[in-house]
Amino acid sequence: MNLVTNFFVEIIVAMAIGFFLGKWLDKLLFEDKTILTIVLLFLGLIGALVNFIKRILKSVDGGNKNEES
């Protein structure tokens, strides 16, 4: 349950950072386009998913090592 809660918090935070950073950069570089907002939003989502998968693999692999010894 803790892993799922951390996953949702990480996704929300990563996507929020990507959104606001993208908005700021779009205002700075482009006047009426939202290219960087969309790109950084998806990068935040992908980063959170990769981190979640790494945690799952680490917890599953760590559990197997404890069972062997």
C-alpha atoms as a PDB file:
ATOM      1  CA  MET A   1       0.000   0.000   0.000  1.00  0.00           C
ATOM      2  CA  ASN A   2       2.881   2.338   0.801  1.00  0.00           C
ATOM      3  CA  LEU A   3       4.400   1.718  -2.620  1.00  0.00           C
ATOM      4  CA  VAL A   4       1.170   2.668  -4.404  1.00  0.00           C
ATOM      5  CA  THR A   5       0.763   5.846  -2.329  1.00  0.00           C
ATOM      6  CA  ASN A   6       4.330   6.895  -3.062  1.00  0.00           C
ATOM      7  CA  PHE A   7       3.742   6.211  -6.750  1.00  0.00           C
ATOM      8  CA  PHE A   8       0.752   8.542  -6.940  1.00  0.00           C
ATOM      9  CA  VAL A   9       2.518  11.270  -4.984  1.00  0.00           C
ATOM     10  CA  GLU A  10       5.567  10.999  -7.247  1.00  0.00           C
ATOM     11  CA  ILE A  11       3.434  11.175 -10.396  1.00  0.00           C
ATOM     12  CA  ILE A  12       1.551  14.236  -9.167  1.00  0.00           C
ATOM     13  CA  VAL A  13       4.717  16.045  -8.099  1.00  0.00           C
ATOM     14  CA  ALA A  14       6.700  15.147 -11.224  1.00  0.00           C
ATOM     15  CA  MET A  15       3.891  16.169 -13.546  1.00  0.00           C
ATOM     16  CA  ALA A  16       3.304  19.420 -11.624  1.00  0.00           C
ATOM     17  CA  ILE A  17       6.990  20.327 -11.829  1.00  0.00           C
ATOM     18  CA  GLY A  18       7.032  19.488 -15.534  1.00  0.00           C
ATOM     19  CA  PHE A  19       3.881  21.502 -16.149  1.00  0.00           C
ATOM     20  CA  PHE A  20       4.991  24.665 -14.356  1.00  0.00           C
ATOM     21  CA  LEU A  21       8.543  24.513 -15.676  1.00  0.00           C
ATOM     22  CA  GLY A  22       7.207  23.961 -19.188  1.00  0.00           C
ATOM     23  CA  LYS A  23       4.767  26.867 -18.860  1.00  0.00           C
ATOM     24  CA  TRP A  24       7.536  29.145 -17.673  1.00  0.00           C
ATOM     25  CA  LEU A  25       9.891  28.106 -20.476  1.00  0.00           C
ATOM     26  CA  ASP A  26       7.140  28.440 -23.076  1.00  0.00           C
ATOM     27  CA  LYS A  27       6.437  31.991 -21.939  1.00  0.00           C
ATOM     28  CA  LEU A  28      10.149  32.717 -22.078  1.00  0.00           C
ATOM     29  CA  LEU A  29      10.873  31.158 -25.483  1.00  0.00           C
ATOM     30  CA  PHE A  30       7.578  30.873 -27.389  1.00  0.00           C
ATOM     31  CA  GLU A  31       4.715  33.300 -27.248  1.00  0.00           C
ATOM     32  CA  ASP A  32       1.695  31.173 -28.074  1.00  0.00           C
ATOM     33  CA  LYS A  33       2.884  27.578 -28.217  1.00  0.00           C
ATOM     34  CA  THR A  34       2.802  24.938 -25.476  1.00  0.00           C
ATOM     35  CA  ILE A  35       5.464  22.619 -26.825  1.00  0.00           C
ATOM     36  CA  LEU A  36       7.707  22.480 -23.763  1.00  0.00           C
ATOM     37  CA  THR A  37       4.765  22.190 -21.376  1.00  0.00           C
ATOM     38  CA  ILE A  38       3.595  19.004 -23.084  1.00  0.00           C
ATOM     39  CA  VAL A  39       7.113  17.575 -23.430  1.00  0.00           C
ATOM     40  CA  LEU A  40       8.073  18.207 -19.793  1.00  0.00           C
ATOM     41  CA  LEU A  41       4.703  16.932 -18.574  1.00  0.00           C
ATOM     42  CA  PHE A  42       5.283  13.606 -20.338  1.00  0.00           C
ATOM     43  CA  LEU A  43       8.912  13.466 -19.168  1.00  0.00           C
ATOM     44  CA  GLY A  44       7.690  13.836 -15.590  1.00  0.00           C
ATOM     45  CA  LEU A  45       5.207  11.032 -16.125  1.00  0.00           C
ATOM     46  CA  ILE A  46       7.814   8.763 -17.701  1.00  0.00           C
ATOM     47  CA  GLY A  47      10.328   9.534 -14.947  1.00  0.00           C
ATOM     48  CA  ALA A  48       7.807   8.641 -12.241  1.00  0.00           C
ATOM     49  CA  LEU A  49       6.901   5.393 -14.020  1.00  0.00           C
ATOM     50  CA  VAL A  50      10.554   4.395 -14.419  1.00  0.00           C
ATOM     51  CA  ASN A  51      11.194   5.109 -10.744  1.00  0.00           C
ATOM     52  CA  PHE A  52       8.120   3.058  -9.778  1.00  0.00           C
ATOM     53  CA  ILE A  53       9.268   0.093 -11.876  1.00  0.00           C
ATOM     54  CA  LYS A  54      12.748   0.272 -10.331  1.00  0.00           C
ATOM     55  CA  ARG A  55      11.236   0.221  -6.833  1.00  0.00           C
ATOM     56  CA  ILE A  56       9.050  -2.766  -7.667  1.00  0.00           C
ATOM     57  CA  LEU A  57      11.984  -4.700  -9.119  1.00  0.00           C
ATOM     58  CA  LYS A  58      14.134  -3.802  -6.126  1.00  0.00           C
ATOM     59  CA  SER A  59      11.492  -4.943  -3.641  1.00  0.00           C
ATOM     60  CA  VAL A  60      10.830  -8.186  -5.539  1.00  0.00           C
ATOM     61  CA  ASP A  61      14.534  -8.930  -5.973  1.00  0.00           C
ATOM     62  CA  GLY A  62      15.266  -8.019  -2.342  1.00  0.00           C
ATOM     63  CA  GLY A  63      12.541 -10.397  -1.193  1.00  0.00           C
ATOM     64  CA  ASN A  64      14.073 -13.288  -3.132  1.00  0.00           C
ATOM     65  CA  LYS A  65      17.495 -12.683  -1.617  1.00  0.00           C
ATOM     66  CA  ASN A  66      16.051 -12.724   1.900  1.00  0.00           C
ATOM     67  CA  GLU A  67      14.239 -16.013   1.248  1.00  0.00           C
ATOM     68  CA  GLU A  68      17.411 -17.717  -0.011  1.00  0.00           C
ATOM     69  CA  SER A  69      19.476 -16.960   3.105  1.00  0.00           C
END
